[in-house]
Amino acid sequence: MKVLYIITQSPYATAAGFEALDAAMIGASFEADVSVLFLHDGVYQLRTEQHGRPGLFKQVTKAFAALPDFDVENVCAHKASLVARGLSEESLLMPVKTINEGQVATMIARQDRVFTF
């Protein structure tokens, strides 16, 4: 089964990043073909040198770099979302494939399940 997790929320605004990471790792452990897409404010999850507010949400953004250890090889970021937020591929905590709008639509269409966080 092909499963896509789309992350649209910035870190520390909600627990969405933590929940998406947890869901992706669980999906991969059940041998699903897992992909992760960072879209809109979700690209902020990939920014290096983040600091959460104590007592609110755990800092999980660095844990996204562990996705390949769980056989999650298809990790993408929407190029226009990165550009709109002043981020470059060099400013991200891990290498990701950048994709355009058409590729986002194709990626979504090829999945059996899509979850948005």
PDB file of N, CA and C in Angstrom:
ATOM      1  N   MET A   1       0.842  -1.177   0.000  1.00  0.00           N
ATOM      2  CA  MET A   1       0.000   0.000   0.000  1.00  0.00           C
ATOM      3  C   MET A   1       0.891   1.245   0.000  1.00  0.00           C
ATOM      4  N   LYS A   2       0.565   2.196  -0.849  1.00  0.00           N
ATOM      5  CA  LYS A   2       1.303   3.458  -0.924  1.00  0.00           C
ATOM      6  C   LYS A   2       0.586   4.497  -0.075  1.00  0.00           C
ATOM      7  N   VAL A   3       1.328   5.078   0.872  1.00  0.00           N
ATOM      8  CA  VAL A   3       0.751   6.032   1.815  1.00  0.00           C
ATOM      9  C   VAL A   3       1.582   7.314   1.793  1.00  0.00           C
ATOM     10  N   LEU A   4       0.890   8.439   1.687  1.00  0.00           N
ATOM     11  CA  LEU A   4       1.540   9.751   1.693  1.00  0.00           C
ATOM     12  C   LEU A   4       1.098  10.525   2.926  1.00  0.00           C
ATOM     13  N   TYR A   5       2.084  11.072   3.637  1.00  0.00           N
ATOM     14  CA  TYR A   5       1.832  11.952   4.775  1.00  0.00           C
ATOM     15  C   TYR A   5       2.224  13.356   4.344  1.00  0.00           C
ATOM     16  N   ILE A   6       1.252  14.261   4.327  1.00  0.00           N
ATOM     17  CA  ILE A   6       1.506  15.645   3.943  1.00  0.00           C
ATOM     18  C   ILE A   6       1.539  16.484   5.215  1.00  0.00           C
ATOM     19  N   ILE A   7       2.628  17.205   5.401  1.00  0.00           N
ATOM     20  CA  ILE A   7       2.799  18.031   6.594  1.00  0.00           C
ATOM     21  C   ILE A   7       2.666  19.490   6.170  1.00  0.00           C
ATOM     22  N   THR A   8       1.629  20.151   6.696  1.00  0.00           N
ATOM     23  CA  THR A   8       1.336  21.531   6.299  1.00  0.00           C
ATOM     24  C   THR A   8       1.488  22.535   7.439  1.00  0.00           C
ATOM     25  N   GLN A   9       1.706  22.050   8.652  1.00  0.00           N
ATOM     26  CA  GLN A   9       1.752  22.927   9.821  1.00  0.00           C
ATOM     27  C   GLN A   9       3.187  23.249  10.220  1.00  0.00           C
ATOM     28  N   SER A  10       3.403  24.463  10.668  1.00  0.00           N
ATOM     29  CA  SER A  10       4.736  24.843  11.145  1.00  0.00           C
ATOM     30  C   SER A  10       5.009  24.156  12.483  1.00  0.00           C
ATOM     31  N   PRO A  11       6.286  23.988  12.794  1.00  0.00           N
ATOM     32  CA  PRO A  11       6.607  23.317  14.064  1.00  0.00           C
ATOM     33  C   PRO A  11       6.170  24.158  15.260  1.00  0.00           C
ATOM     34  N   TYR A  12       5.762  23.502  16.288  1.00  0.00           N
ATOM     35  CA  TYR A  12       5.429  24.104  17.577  1.00  0.00           C
ATOM     36  C   TYR A  12       4.124  24.884  17.592  1.00  0.00           C
ATOM     37  N   ALA A  13       3.463  25.054  16.448  1.00  0.00           N
ATOM     38  CA  ALA A  13       2.143  25.678  16.450  1.00  0.00           C
ATOM     39  C   ALA A  13       1.118  24.669  16.966  1.00  0.00           C
ATOM     40  N   THR A  14       1.301  23.428  16.567  1.00  0.00           N
ATOM     41  CA  THR A  14       0.461  22.318  17.007  1.00  0.00           C
ATOM     42  C   THR A  14       1.363  21.095  17.137  1.00  0.00           C
ATOM     43  N   ALA A  15       0.785  19.990  17.504  1.00  0.00           N
ATOM     44  CA  ALA A  15       1.549  18.738  17.580  1.00  0.00           C
ATOM     45  C   ALA A  15       1.578  18.012  16.240  1.00  0.00           C
ATOM     46  N   ALA A  16       1.178  18.666  15.168  1.00  0.00           N
ATOM     47  CA  ALA A  16       1.062  18.022  13.861  1.00  0.00           C
ATOM     48  C   ALA A  16       2.374  17.400  13.390  1.00  0.00           C
ATOM     49  N   GLY A  17       3.483  18.077  13.583  1.00  0.00           N
ATOM     50  CA  GLY A  17       4.769  17.529  13.151  1.00  0.00           C
ATOM     51  C   GLY A  17       5.094  16.233  13.856  1.00  0.00           C
ATOM     52  N   PHE A  18       4.913  16.222  15.161  1.00  0.00           N
ATOM     53  CA  PHE A  18       5.160  15.017  15.944  1.00  0.00           C
ATOM     54  C   PHE A  18       4.228  13.890  15.506  1.00  0.00           C
ATOM     55  N   GLU A  19       2.956  14.216  15.324  1.00  0.00           N
ATOM     56  CA  GLU A  19       1.974  13.203  14.939  1.00  0.00           C
ATOM     57  C   GLU A  19       2.270  12.644  13.552  1.00  0.00           C
ATOM     58  N   ALA A  20       2.661  13.502  12.620  1.00  0.00           N
ATOM     59  CA  ALA A  20       2.981  13.052  11.266  1.00  0.00           C
ATOM     60  C   ALA A  20       4.217  12.156  11.264  1.00  0.00           C
ATOM     61  N   LEU A  21       5.239  12.555  11.997  1.00  0.00           N
ATOM     62  CA  LEU A  21       6.455  11.753  12.083  1.00  0.00           C
ATOM     63  C   LEU A  21       6.143  10.385  12.667  1.00  0.00           C
ATOM     64  N   ASP A  22       5.387  10.361  13.742  1.00  0.00           N
ATOM     65  CA  ASP A  22       5.008   9.111  14.392  1.00  0.00           C
ATOM     66  C   ASP A  22       4.217   8.227  13.431  1.00  0.00           C
ATOM     67  N   ALA A  23       3.259   8.806  12.738  1.00  0.00           N
ATOM     68  CA  ALA A  23       2.427   8.042  11.810  1.00  0.00           C
ATOM     69  C   ALA A  23       3.266   7.486  10.653  1.00  0.00           C
ATOM     70  N   ALA A  24       4.171   8.283  10.126  1.00  0.00           N
ATOM     71  CA  ALA A  24       5.015   7.824   9.016  1.00  0.00           C
ATOM     72  C   ALA A  24       5.898   6.659   9.446  1.00  0.00           C
ATOM     73  N   MET A  25       6.477   6.757  10.622  1.00  0.00           N
ATOM     74  CA  MET A  25       7.343   5.682  11.105  1.00  0.00           C
ATOM     75  C   MET A  25       6.555   4.415  11.398  1.00  0.00           C
ATOM     76  N   ILE A  26       5.359   4.562  11.932  1.00  0.00           N
ATOM     77  CA  ILE A  26       4.515   3.392  12.179  1.00  0.00           C
ATOM     78  C   ILE A  26       4.099   2.766  10.849  1.00  0.00           C
ATOM     79  N   GLY A  27       3.688   3.592   9.898  1.00  0.00           N
ATOM     80  CA  GLY A  27       3.308   3.073   8.584  1.00  0.00           C
ATOM     81  C   GLY A  27       4.442   2.312   7.934  1.00  0.00           C
ATOM     82  N   ALA A  28       5.640   2.865   8.009  1.00  0.00           N
ATOM     83  CA  ALA A  28       6.807   2.207   7.420  1.00  0.00           C
ATOM     84  C   ALA A  28       7.115   0.892   8.135  1.00  0.00           C
ATOM     85  N   SER A  29       6.891   0.840   9.445  1.00  0.00           N
ATOM     86  CA  SER A  29       7.176  -0.394  10.186  1.00  0.00           C
ATOM     87  C   SER A  29       6.214  -1.511   9.800  1.00  0.00           C
ATOM     88  N   PHE A  30       5.066  -1.156   9.233  1.00  0.00           N
ATOM     89  CA  PHE A  30       4.119  -2.149   8.741  1.00  0.00           C
ATOM     90  C   PHE A  30       4.296  -2.392   7.247  1.00  0.00           C
ATOM     91  N   GLU A  31       5.460  -2.009   6.751  1.00  0.00           N
ATOM     92  CA  GLU A  31       5.881  -2.256   5.377  1.00  0.00           C
ATOM     93  C   GLU A  31       5.041  -1.556   4.329  1.00  0.00           C
ATOM     94  N   ALA A  32       4.414  -0.459   4.679  1.00  0.00           N
ATOM     95  CA  ALA A  32       3.752   0.365   3.678  1.00  0.00           C
ATOM     96  C   ALA A  32       4.822   1.127   2.905  1.00  0.00           C
ATOM     97  N   ASP A  33       4.534   1.479   1.684  1.00  0.00           N
ATOM     98  CA  ASP A  33       5.420   2.313   0.872  1.00  0.00           C
ATOM     99  C   ASP A  33       5.103   3.762   1.251  1.00  0.00           C
ATOM    100  N   VAL A  34       5.871   4.304   2.196  1.00  0.00           N
ATOM    101  CA  VAL A  34       5.576   5.605   2.798  1.00  0.00           C
ATOM    102  C   VAL A  34       6.351   6.722   2.107  1.00  0.00           C
ATOM    103  N   SER A  35       5.640   7.811   1.823  1.00  0.00           N
ATOM    104  CA  SER A  35       6.237   9.045   1.329  1.00  0.00           C
ATOM    105  C   SER A  35       5.819  10.169   2.253  1.00  0.00           C
ATOM    106  N   VAL A  36       6.664  11.200   2.345  1.00  0.00           N
ATOM    107  CA  VAL A  36       6.357  12.371   3.164  1.00  0.00           C
ATOM    108  C   VAL A  36       6.545  13.610   2.298  1.00  0.00           C
ATOM    109  N   LEU A  37       5.571  14.514   2.376  1.00  0.00           N
ATOM    110  CA  LEU A  37       5.625  15.762   1.626  1.00  0.00           C
ATOM    111  C   LEU A  37       5.462  16.931   2.587  1.00  0.00           C
ATOM    112  N   PHE A  38       6.409  17.860   2.558  1.00  0.00           N
ATOM    113  CA  PHE A  38       6.332  19.086   3.343  1.00  0.00           C
ATOM    114  C   PHE A  38       5.794  20.174   2.423  1.00  0.00           C
ATOM    115  N   LEU A  39       4.662  20.770   2.831  1.00  0.00           N
ATOM    116  CA  LEU A  39       3.927  21.697   1.989  1.00  0.00           C
ATOM    117  C   LEU A  39       3.492  22.909   2.812  1.00  0.00           C
ATOM    118  N   HIS A  40       3.415  24.054   2.188  1.00  0.00           N
ATOM    119  CA  HIS A  40       3.021  25.302   2.847  1.00  0.00           C
ATOM    120  C   HIS A  40       3.914  25.557   4.071  1.00  0.00           C
ATOM    121  N   ASP A  41       3.333  25.896   5.226  1.00  0.00           N
ATOM    122  CA  ASP A  41       4.146  26.159   6.420  1.00  0.00           C
ATOM    123  C   ASP A  41       4.832  24.904   6.953  1.00  0.00           C
ATOM    124  N   GLY A  42       4.457  23.747   6.458  1.00  0.00           N
ATOM    125  CA  GLY A  42       5.104  22.508   6.862  1.00  0.00           C
ATOM    126  C   GLY A  42       6.584  22.476   6.515  1.00  0.00           C
ATOM    127  N   VAL A  43       7.008  23.261   5.527  1.00  0.00           N
ATOM    128  CA  VAL A  43       8.438  23.277   5.175  1.00  0.00           C
ATOM    129  C   VAL A  43       9.283  23.821   6.323  1.00  0.00           C
ATOM    130  N   TYR A  44       8.678  24.591   7.212  1.00  0.00           N
ATOM    131  CA  TYR A  44       9.420  25.082   8.381  1.00  0.00           C
ATOM    132  C   TYR A  44       9.876  23.927   9.288  1.00  0.00           C
ATOM    133  N   GLN A  45       9.218  22.786   9.200  1.00  0.00           N
ATOM    134  CA  GLN A  45       9.632  21.619   9.987  1.00  0.00           C
ATOM    135  C   GLN A  45      11.061  21.204   9.621  1.00  0.00           C
ATOM    136  N   LEU A  46      11.481  21.535   8.415  1.00  0.00           N
ATOM    137  CA  LEU A  46      12.786  21.117   7.905  1.00  0.00           C
ATOM    138  C   LEU A  46      13.911  22.114   8.182  1.00  0.00           C
ATOM    139  N   ARG A  47      13.565  23.262   8.709  1.00  0.00           N
ATOM    140  CA  ARG A  47      14.573  24.313   8.922  1.00  0.00           C
ATOM    141  C   ARG A  47      15.552  23.916  10.024  1.00  0.00           C
ATOM    142  N   THR A  48      16.822  24.178   9.793  1.00  0.00           N
ATOM    143  CA  THR A  48      17.835  23.893  10.809  1.00  0.00           C
ATOM    144  C   THR A  48      17.747  24.912  11.939  1.00  0.00           C
ATOM    145  N   GLU A  49      18.376  24.581  13.043  1.00  0.00           N
ATOM    146  CA  GLU A  49      18.504  25.466  14.209  1.00  0.00           C
ATOM    147  C   GLU A  49      17.172  26.009  14.709  1.00  0.00           C
ATOM    148  N   GLN A  50      16.271  25.108  15.021  1.00  0.00           N
ATOM    149  CA  GLN A  50      14.987  25.499  15.597  1.00  0.00           C
ATOM    150  C   GLN A  50      15.033  25.329  17.098  1.00  0.00           C
ATOM    151  N   HIS A  51      14.230  26.115  17.770  1.00  0.00           N
ATOM    152  CA  HIS A  51      14.142  26.022  19.223  1.00  0.00           C
ATOM    153  C   HIS A  51      12.672  26.109  19.611  1.00  0.00           C
ATOM    154  N   GLY A  52      12.151  25.042  20.187  1.00  0.00           N
ATOM    155  CA  GLY A  52      10.761  25.044  20.629  1.00  0.00           C
ATOM    156  C   GLY A  52      10.602  25.836  21.911  1.00  0.00           C
ATOM    157  N   ARG A  53       9.376  26.110  22.250  1.00  0.00           N
ATOM    158  CA  ARG A  53       9.098  26.805  23.503  1.00  0.00           C
ATOM    159  C   ARG A  53       8.979  25.773  24.605  1.00  0.00           C
ATOM    160  N   PRO A  54       9.756  25.895  25.664  1.00  0.00           N
ATOM    161  CA  PRO A  54       9.725  24.903  26.744  1.00  0.00           C
ATOM    162  C   PRO A  54       8.313  24.699  27.282  1.00  0.00           C
ATOM    163  N   GLY A  55       7.967  23.440  27.522  1.00  0.00           N
ATOM    164  CA  GLY A  55       6.682  23.117  28.117  1.00  0.00           C
ATOM    165  C   GLY A  55       5.550  22.951  27.132  1.00  0.00           C
ATOM    166  N   LEU A  56       5.766  23.268  25.864  1.00  0.00           N
ATOM    167  CA  LEU A  56       4.678  23.127  24.896  1.00  0.00           C
ATOM    168  C   LEU A  56       4.819  21.828  24.112  1.00  0.00           C
ATOM    169  N   PHE A  57       5.616  21.830  23.072  1.00  0.00           N
ATOM    170  CA  PHE A  57       5.790  20.644  22.250  1.00  0.00           C
ATOM    171  C   PHE A  57       7.256  20.251  22.229  1.00  0.00           C
ATOM    172  N   LYS A  58       7.485  18.947  22.191  1.00  0.00           N
ATOM    173  CA  LYS A  58       8.848  18.459  22.095  1.00  0.00           C
ATOM    174  C   LYS A  58       9.448  18.883  20.756  1.00  0.00           C
ATOM    175  N   GLN A  59      10.761  19.072  20.754  1.00  0.00           N
ATOM    176  CA  GLN A  59      11.437  19.365  19.496  1.00  0.00           C
ATOM    177  C   GLN A  59      11.630  18.058  18.747  1.00  0.00           C
ATOM    178  N   VAL A  60      10.856  17.877  17.702  1.00  0.00           N
ATOM    179  CA  VAL A  60      10.918  16.635  16.942  1.00  0.00           C
ATOM    180  C   VAL A  60      11.467  16.846  15.541  1.00  0.00           C
ATOM    181  N   THR A  61      11.695  18.080  15.167  1.00  0.00           N
ATOM    182  CA  THR A  61      12.078  18.345  13.786  1.00  0.00           C
ATOM    183  C   THR A  61      13.345  17.605  13.378  1.00  0.00           C
ATOM    184  N   LYS A  62      14.327  17.502  14.265  1.00  0.00           N
ATOM    185  CA  LYS A  62      15.556  16.784  13.923  1.00  0.00           C
ATOM    186  C   LYS A  62      15.294  15.305  13.718  1.00  0.00           C
ATOM    187  N   ALA A  63      14.236  14.797  14.304  1.00  0.00           N
ATOM    188  CA  ALA A  63      13.899  13.379  14.153  1.00  0.00           C
ATOM    189  C   ALA A  63      13.465  13.048  12.724  1.00  0.00           C
ATOM    190  N   PHE A  64      13.033  14.051  11.956  1.00  0.00           N
ATOM    191  CA  PHE A  64      12.670  13.791  10.568  1.00  0.00           C
ATOM    192  C   PHE A  64      13.858  13.222   9.789  1.00  0.00           C
ATOM    193  N   ALA A  65      15.066  13.575  10.196  1.00  0.00           N
ATOM    194  CA  ALA A  65      16.266  13.056   9.529  1.00  0.00           C
ATOM    195  C   ALA A  65      16.394  11.545   9.695  1.00  0.00           C
ATOM    196  N   ALA A  66      15.665  10.954  10.633  1.00  0.00           N
ATOM    197  CA  ALA A  66      15.703   9.506  10.843  1.00  0.00           C
ATOM    198  C   ALA A  66      14.768   8.753   9.901  1.00  0.00           C
ATOM    199  N   LEU A  67      13.969   9.442   9.120  1.00  0.00           N
ATOM    200  CA  LEU A  67      13.021   8.753   8.240  1.00  0.00           C
ATOM    201  C   LEU A  67      13.692   7.708   7.345  1.00  0.00           C
ATOM    202  N   PRO A  68      14.847   7.989   6.740  1.00  0.00           N
ATOM    203  CA  PRO A  68      15.482   6.941   5.922  1.00  0.00           C
ATOM    204  C   PRO A  68      15.828   5.687   6.717  1.00  0.00           C
ATOM    205  N   ASP A  69      16.073   5.818   8.010  1.00  0.00           N
ATOM    206  CA  ASP A  69      16.355   4.650   8.848  1.00  0.00           C
ATOM    207  C   ASP A  69      15.132   3.741   8.968  1.00  0.00           C
ATOM    208  N   PHE A  70      13.959   4.285   8.679  1.00  0.00           N
ATOM    209  CA  PHE A  70      12.713   3.525   8.709  1.00  0.00           C
ATOM    210  C   PHE A  70      12.255   3.168   7.295  1.00  0.00           C
ATOM    211  N   ASP A  71      13.185   3.230   6.345  1.00  0.00           N
ATOM    212  CA  ASP A  71      12.923   2.935   4.928  1.00  0.00           C
ATOM    213  C   ASP A  71      11.941   3.908   4.286  1.00  0.00           C
ATOM    214  N   VAL A  72      11.889   5.129   4.803  1.00  0.00           N
ATOM    215  CA  VAL A  72      11.103   6.184   4.164  1.00  0.00           C
ATOM    216  C   VAL A  72      12.096   6.973   3.316  1.00  0.00           C
ATOM    217  N   GLU A  73      12.169   6.601   2.051  1.00  0.00           N
ATOM    218  CA  GLU A  73      13.161   7.186   1.150  1.00  0.00           C
ATOM    219  C   GLU A  73      12.609   8.361   0.353  1.00  0.00           C
ATOM    220  N   ASN A  74      11.298   8.418   0.174  1.00  0.00           N
ATOM    221  CA  ASN A  74      10.695   9.454  -0.652  1.00  0.00           C
ATOM    222  C   ASN A  74      10.212  10.609   0.233  1.00  0.00           C
ATOM    223  N   VAL A  75      11.121  11.532   0.523  1.00  0.00           N
ATOM    224  CA  VAL A  75      10.819  12.702   1.345  1.00  0.00           C
ATOM    225  C   VAL A  75      10.967  13.923   0.446  1.00  0.00           C
ATOM    226  N   CYS A  76       9.874  14.665   0.297  1.00  0.00           N
ATOM    227  CA  CYS A  76       9.835  15.778  -0.653  1.00  0.00           C
ATOM    228  C   CYS A  76       9.398  17.067   0.029  1.00  0.00           C
ATOM    229  N   ALA A  77       9.796  18.174  -0.575  1.00  0.00           N
ATOM    230  CA  ALA A  77       9.341  19.498  -0.146  1.00  0.00           C
ATOM    231  C   ALA A  77       8.865  20.254  -1.377  1.00  0.00           C
ATOM    232  N   HIS A  78       7.794  20.986  -1.213  1.00  0.00           N
ATOM    233  CA  HIS A  78       7.245  21.794  -2.291  1.00  0.00           C
ATOM    234  C   HIS A  78       8.148  23.004  -2.504  1.00  0.00           C
ATOM    235  N   LYS A  79       8.722  23.103  -3.684  1.00  0.00           N
ATOM    236  CA  LYS A  79       9.706  24.148  -3.992  1.00  0.00           C
ATOM    237  C   LYS A  79       9.132  25.551  -3.782  1.00  0.00           C
ATOM    238  N   ALA A  80       7.931  25.813  -4.263  1.00  0.00           N
ATOM    239  CA  ALA A  80       7.335  27.145  -4.114  1.00  0.00           C
ATOM    240  C   ALA A  80       7.094  27.489  -2.644  1.00  0.00           C
ATOM    241  N   SER A  81       6.769  26.503  -1.814  1.00  0.00           N
ATOM    242  CA  SER A  81       6.587  26.754  -0.382  1.00  0.00           C
ATOM    243  C   SER A  81       7.911  27.152   0.259  1.00  0.00           C
ATOM    244  N   LEU A  82       8.995  26.486  -0.142  1.00  0.00           N
ATOM    245  CA  LEU A  82      10.318  26.844   0.376  1.00  0.00           C
ATOM    246  C   LEU A  82      10.673  28.269  -0.013  1.00  0.00           C
ATOM    247  N   VAL A  83      10.524  28.582  -1.293  1.00  0.00           N
ATOM    248  CA  VAL A  83      10.887  29.907  -1.799  1.00  0.00           C
ATOM    249  C   VAL A  83      10.056  30.998  -1.128  1.00  0.00           C
ATOM    250  N   ALA A  84       8.752  30.772  -0.989  1.00  0.00           N
ATOM    251  CA  ALA A  84       7.865  31.769  -0.389  1.00  0.00           C
ATOM    252  C   ALA A  84       8.227  32.073   1.064  1.00  0.00           C
ATOM    253  N   ARG A  85       8.895  31.132   1.720  1.00  0.00           N
ATOM    254  CA  ARG A  85       9.260  31.304   3.129  1.00  0.00           C
ATOM    255  C   ARG A  85      10.744  31.579   3.315  1.00  0.00           C
ATOM    256  N   GLY A  86      11.422  31.883   2.216  1.00  0.00           N
ATOM    257  CA  GLY A  86      12.829  32.262   2.290  1.00  0.00           C
ATOM    258  C   GLY A  86      13.763  31.125   2.639  1.00  0.00           C
ATOM    259  N   LEU A  87      13.354  29.894   2.363  1.00  0.00           N
ATOM    260  CA  LEU A  87      14.187  28.737   2.664  1.00  0.00           C
ATOM    261  C   LEU A  87      14.806  28.181   1.387  1.00  0.00           C
ATOM    262  N   SER A  88      16.001  27.655   1.517  1.00  0.00           N
ATOM    263  CA  SER A  88      16.668  27.006   0.400  1.00  0.00           C
ATOM    264  C   SER A  88      16.974  25.571   0.792  1.00  0.00           C
ATOM    265  N   GLU A  89      17.331  24.760  -0.177  1.00  0.00           N
ATOM    266  CA  GLU A  89      17.674  23.373   0.129  1.00  0.00           C
ATOM    267  C   GLU A  89      18.861  23.305   1.092  1.00  0.00           C
ATOM    268  N   GLU A  90      19.764  24.274   0.996  1.00  0.00           N
ATOM    269  CA  GLU A  90      20.933  24.302   1.867  1.00  0.00           C
ATOM    270  C   GLU A  90      20.580  24.635   3.319  1.00  0.00           C
ATOM    271  N   SER A  91      19.426  25.253   3.542  1.00  0.00           N
ATOM    272  CA  SER A  91      19.037  25.641   4.902  1.00  0.00           C
ATOM    273  C   SER A  91      18.216  24.565   5.614  1.00  0.00           C
ATOM    274  N   LEU A  92      18.085  23.405   4.987  1.00  0.00           N
ATOM    275  CA  LEU A  92      17.258  22.344   5.554  1.00  0.00           C
ATOM    276  C   LEU A  92      18.107  21.353   6.333  1.00  0.00           C
ATOM    277  N   LEU A  93      17.510  20.728   7.326  1.00  0.00           N
ATOM    278  CA  LEU A  93      18.243  19.819   8.198  1.00  0.00           C
ATOM    279  C   LEU A  93      18.555  18.477   7.559  1.00  0.00           C
ATOM    280  N   MET A  94      17.949  18.206   6.406  1.00  0.00           N
ATOM    281  CA  MET A  94      18.197  16.933   5.718  1.00  0.00           C
ATOM    282  C   MET A  94      17.967  17.123   4.224  1.00  0.00           C
ATOM    283  N   PRO A  95      18.578  16.278   3.414  1.00  0.00           N
ATOM    284  CA  PRO A  95      18.310  16.377   1.980  1.00  0.00           C
ATOM    285  C   PRO A  95      16.899  15.896   1.657  1.00  0.00           C
ATOM    286  N   VAL A  96      16.220  16.649   0.819  1.00  0.00           N
ATOM    287  CA  VAL A  96      14.889  16.272   0.354  1.00  0.00           C
ATOM    288  C   VAL A  96      14.819  16.528  -1.143  1.00  0.00           C
ATOM    289  N   LYS A  97      13.886  15.874  -1.775  1.00  0.00           N
ATOM    290  CA  LYS A  97      13.633  16.123  -3.184  1.00  0.00           C
ATOM    291  C   LYS A  97      12.651  17.291  -3.262  1.00  0.00           C
ATOM    292  N   THR A  98      12.979  18.329  -4.028  1.00  0.00           N
ATOM    293  CA  THR A  98      12.041  19.440  -4.179  1.00  0.00           C
ATOM    294  C   THR A  98      11.195  19.186  -5.423  1.00  0.00           C
ATOM    295  N   ILE A  99       9.896  19.462  -5.285  1.00  0.00           N
ATOM    296  CA  ILE A  99       8.968  19.195  -6.379  1.00  0.00           C
ATOM    297  C   ILE A  99       8.067  20.400  -6.626  1.00  0.00           C
ATOM    298  N   ASN A 100       7.570  20.511  -7.849  1.00  0.00           N
ATOM    299  CA  ASN A 100       6.690  21.619  -8.220  1.00  0.00           C
ATOM    300  C   ASN A 100       5.221  21.213  -8.081  1.00  0.00           C
ATOM    301  N   GLU A 101       4.319  22.124  -8.419  1.00  0.00           N
ATOM    302  CA  GLU A 101       2.882  21.886  -8.240  1.00  0.00           C
ATOM    303  C   GLU A 101       2.395  20.656  -8.993  1.00  0.00           C
ATOM    304  N   GLY A 102       2.830  20.510 -10.243  1.00  0.00           N
ATOM    305  CA  GLY A 102       2.413  19.362 -11.035  1.00  0.00           C
ATOM    306  C   GLY A 102       2.880  18.048 -10.431  1.00  0.00           C
ATOM    307  N   GLN A 103       4.095  18.050  -9.908  1.00  0.00           N
ATOM    308  CA  GLN A 103       4.626  16.845  -9.274  1.00  0.00           C
ATOM    309  C   GLN A 103       3.892  16.530  -7.973  1.00  0.00           C
ATOM    310  N   VAL A 104       3.454  17.574  -7.254  1.00  0.00           N
ATOM    311  CA  VAL A 104       2.651  17.356  -6.041  1.00  0.00           C
ATOM    312  C   VAL A 104       1.359  16.643  -6.418  1.00  0.00           C
ATOM    313  N   ALA A 105       0.677  17.134  -7.450  1.00  0.00           N
ATOM    314  CA  ALA A 105      -0.584  16.529  -7.883  1.00  0.00           C
ATOM    315  C   ALA A 105      -0.374  15.078  -8.306  1.00  0.00           C
ATOM    316  N   THR A 106       0.697  14.814  -9.040  1.00  0.00           N
ATOM    317  CA  THR A 106       0.997  13.449  -9.471  1.00  0.00           C
ATOM    318  C   THR A 106       1.295  12.557  -8.286  1.00  0.00           C
ATOM    319  N   MET A 107       2.065  13.076  -7.341  1.00  0.00           N
ATOM    320  CA  MET A 107       2.419  12.313  -6.151  1.00  0.00           C
ATOM    321  C   MET A 107       1.163  11.910  -5.377  1.00  0.00           C
ATOM    322  N   ILE A 108       0.255  12.841  -5.190  1.00  0.00           N
ATOM    323  CA  ILE A 108      -0.990  12.564  -4.467  1.00  0.00           C
ATOM    324  C   ILE A 108      -1.825  11.530  -5.225  1.00  0.00           C
ATOM    325  N   ALA A 109      -1.928  11.688  -6.538  1.00  0.00           N
ATOM    326  CA  ALA A 109      -2.761  10.792  -7.347  1.00  0.00           C
ATOM    327  C   ALA A 109      -2.260   9.351  -7.323  1.00  0.00           C
ATOM    328  N   ARG A 110      -0.981   9.140  -7.090  1.00  0.00           N
ATOM    329  CA  ARG A 110      -0.405   7.787  -7.110  1.00  0.00           C
ATOM    330  C   ARG A 110      -0.511   7.037  -5.778  1.00  0.00           C
ATOM    331  N   GLN A 111      -1.109   7.651  -4.788  1.00  0.00           N
ATOM    332  CA  GLN A 111      -1.182   7.040  -3.451  1.00  0.00           C
ATOM    333  C   GLN A 111      -2.480   6.277  -3.255  1.00  0.00           C
ATOM    334  N   ASP A 112      -2.391   5.270  -2.388  1.00  0.00           N
ATOM    335  CA  ASP A 112      -3.612   4.569  -1.971  1.00  0.00           C
ATOM    336  C   ASP A 112      -4.295   5.318  -0.829  1.00  0.00           C
ATOM    337  N   ARG A 113      -3.501   5.949   0.024  1.00  0.00           N
ATOM    338  CA  ARG A 113      -4.019   6.730   1.154  1.00  0.00           C
ATOM    339  C   ARG A 113      -3.186   8.002   1.304  1.00  0.00           C
ATOM    340  N   VAL A 114      -3.858   9.084   1.668  1.00  0.00           N
ATOM    341  CA  VAL A 114      -3.181  10.360   1.911  1.00  0.00           C
ATOM    342  C   VAL A 114      -3.684  10.910   3.236  1.00  0.00           C
ATOM    343  N   PHE A 115      -2.736  11.266   4.096  1.00  0.00           N
ATOM    344  CA  PHE A 115      -3.059  11.852   5.398  1.00  0.00           C
ATOM    345  C   PHE A 115      -2.408  13.225   5.462  1.00  0.00           C
ATOM    346  N   THR A 116      -3.166  14.212   5.905  1.00  0.00           N
ATOM    347  CA  THR A 116      -2.649  15.578   5.993  1.00  0.00           C
ATOM    348  C   THR A 116      -2.600  16.004   7.452  1.00  0.00           C
ATOM    349  N   PHE A 117      -1.460  16.568   7.824  1.00  0.00           N
ATOM    350  CA  PHE A 117      -1.241  17.048   9.191  1.00  0.00           C
ATOM    351  C   PHE A 117      -0.961  18.525   9.159  1.00  0.00           C
TER     352      PHE A 117
END
